[in-house]
Amino acid sequence: QVRLVESGGGLVQPGGSLNLSCAASGDIVYLGTMRWYRQAPGKQRELVATISHAGSADYADSVKGRFTISRDNAKNTVYLQMNSLKPEDTGVYLCYAIENYLITYWGQGTQVTVSS
C-alpha cells in the first residue's frame, strides 16, 4: 500500500505563486508516472501536469508556461510550481501515481484558492 500526501496549498492573490508537494510513502517498489489533477466546484476533474519517472513532463494548455512539474525520485516526491496564478486555477489539487507499473494511487488533495 502506498500513501500520497499533498501539501502547499492555500490562498493567494492573482498573479501570485504556490509550490505544491506530494510525498509518497509505504511499500514502494517503483514509482512511475506521477500527475497533478485539479477539481473545481461544479467542474470535471482536470489533468494539469504529468511527469515520467525519467522526468519527461507534459502540461494542460491552460497552464503551459506558468506551471512546472518536477520530481525527486530519491524522496518519492513530486512538485508543482505554480506561477502567475489566475482565479480559474482555484480548486482542489490532487496527486496521482502509478506504482510498480500496475497500481494507481490518489492523494486526498490540497486546496488552492486564487482570489483578491
Protein backbone atom coordinates (compact mmCIF):
# COMPACT_ATOMS: atom_id res chain seq x y z
CA GLN A 1 0.00 0.00 0.00
CA VAL A 2 1.24 3.47 -0.93
CA ARG A 3 0.10 6.72 0.61
CA LEU A 4 0.24 10.08 -1.18
CA VAL A 5 0.12 13.26 0.90
CA GLU A 6 -0.17 16.67 -0.74
CA SER A 7 0.84 19.96 0.85
CA GLY A 8 1.49 23.58 -0.05
CA GLY A 9 -1.98 24.78 -0.96
CA GLY A 10 -3.52 27.98 0.33
CA LEU A 11 -4.99 31.36 -0.52
CA VAL A 12 -3.06 33.54 -2.93
CA GLN A 13 -3.79 36.71 -4.87
CA PRO A 14 -4.00 36.68 -8.66
CA GLY A 15 -0.50 36.80 -10.12
CA GLY A 16 0.95 35.06 -7.10
CA SER A 17 2.77 31.75 -6.77
CA LEU A 18 2.46 28.50 -4.85
CA ASN A 19 4.59 25.37 -4.74
CA LEU A 20 2.73 22.13 -4.12
CA SER A 21 4.36 18.92 -2.93
CA CYS A 22 3.17 15.33 -2.97
CA ALA A 23 5.13 12.83 -0.90
CA ALA A 24 4.67 9.10 -1.41
CA SER A 25 5.31 6.64 1.39
CA GLY A 26 4.69 2.98 2.16
CA ASP A 27 5.54 -0.18 0.25
CA ILE A 28 7.06 1.48 -2.79
CA VAL A 29 8.71 -0.77 -5.37
CA TYR A 30 8.86 1.62 -8.31
CA LEU A 31 7.07 4.93 -8.72
CA GLY A 32 6.35 5.51 -12.38
CA THR A 33 4.28 8.28 -13.89
CA MET A 34 3.01 10.90 -11.47
CA ARG A 35 0.36 13.51 -12.20
CA TRP A 36 -1.37 16.51 -10.76
CA TYR A 37 -5.10 16.91 -11.30
CA ARG A 38 -7.42 19.63 -10.11
CA GLN A 39 -11.09 19.61 -9.23
CA ALA A 40 -13.03 22.86 -9.25
CA PRO A 41 -16.56 23.08 -7.84
CA GLY A 42 -19.11 22.02 -10.42
CA LYS A 43 -16.46 21.02 -12.95
CA GLN A 44 -14.92 17.77 -14.10
CA ARG A 45 -11.57 16.70 -12.74
CA GLU A 46 -8.86 18.13 -15.00
CA LEU A 47 -5.39 16.77 -15.71
CA VAL A 48 -2.92 19.58 -15.06
CA ALA A 49 0.55 18.07 -15.47
CA THR A 50 2.28 14.73 -15.93
CA ILE A 51 5.86 13.63 -15.29
CA SER A 52 7.50 10.32 -16.09
CA HIS A 53 9.99 8.57 -13.83
CA ALA A 54 12.77 9.90 -16.09
CA GLY A 55 11.46 13.45 -15.78
CA SER A 56 9.68 13.98 -19.07
CA ALA A 57 6.85 16.47 -18.48
CA ASP A 58 3.60 17.43 -20.16
CA TYR A 59 1.04 20.11 -19.34
CA ALA A 60 -2.52 21.12 -19.97
CA ASP A 61 -2.73 24.02 -22.40
CA SER A 62 -4.30 26.18 -19.70
CA VAL A 63 -1.17 26.04 -17.52
CA LYS A 64 1.67 25.86 -20.05
CA GLY A 65 4.31 28.49 -19.38
CA ARG A 66 3.00 29.11 -15.86
CA PHE A 67 3.28 25.75 -14.06
CA THR A 68 6.30 23.47 -13.74
CA ILE A 69 6.14 19.86 -12.58
CA SER A 70 9.25 18.19 -11.18
CA ARG A 71 10.14 15.20 -9.04
CA ASP A 72 12.78 13.90 -6.69
CA ASN A 73 12.89 10.12 -7.06
CA ALA A 74 15.16 9.71 -4.04
CA LYS A 75 12.48 11.35 -1.91
CA ASN A 76 9.49 9.84 -3.76
CA THR A 77 8.12 13.34 -4.10
CA VAL A 78 6.57 15.28 -6.95
CA TYR A 79 6.22 19.06 -7.01
CA LEU A 80 4.11 21.58 -8.86
CA GLN A 81 5.45 25.13 -9.03
CA MET A 82 2.57 27.42 -9.96
CA ASN A 83 3.28 30.97 -11.07
CA SER A 84 1.10 33.78 -12.43
CA LEU A 85 -1.91 32.22 -10.77
CA LYS A 86 -5.38 33.12 -12.01
CA PRO A 87 -8.78 32.81 -10.31
CA GLU A 88 -9.63 29.97 -12.70
CA ASP A 89 -6.75 27.95 -11.19
CA THR A 90 -8.80 27.62 -7.99
CA GLY A 91 -9.63 24.08 -6.96
CA VAL A 92 -8.51 21.03 -5.05
CA TYR A 93 -5.21 19.78 -6.42
CA LEU A 94 -4.79 16.02 -6.29
CA CYS A 95 -1.71 13.90 -6.74
CA TYR A 96 -1.81 10.63 -8.69
CA ALA A 97 0.87 7.96 -9.02
CA ILE A 98 1.36 4.62 -10.73
CA GLU A 99 3.30 2.18 -8.58
CA ASN A 100 5.14 -0.89 -9.90
CA TYR A 101 3.59 -0.34 -13.37
CA LEU A 102 0.18 -1.54 -12.23
CA ILE A 103 -1.35 0.06 -9.17
CA THR A 104 -2.69 3.61 -9.12
CA TYR A 105 -2.99 5.78 -6.05
CA TRP A 106 -4.58 9.14 -5.27
CA GLY A 107 -3.88 11.65 -2.58
CA GLN A 108 -6.56 13.46 -0.58
CA GLY A 109 -5.84 16.80 -2.22
CA THR A 110 -4.82 20.28 -1.19
CA GLN A 111 -6.99 23.37 -1.68
CA VAL A 112 -5.72 26.21 -3.85
CA THR A 113 -7.73 29.43 -3.85
CA VAL A 114 -6.77 32.34 -6.09
CA SER A 115 -8.67 35.45 -5.08
CA SER A 116 -8.14 39.10 -4.30
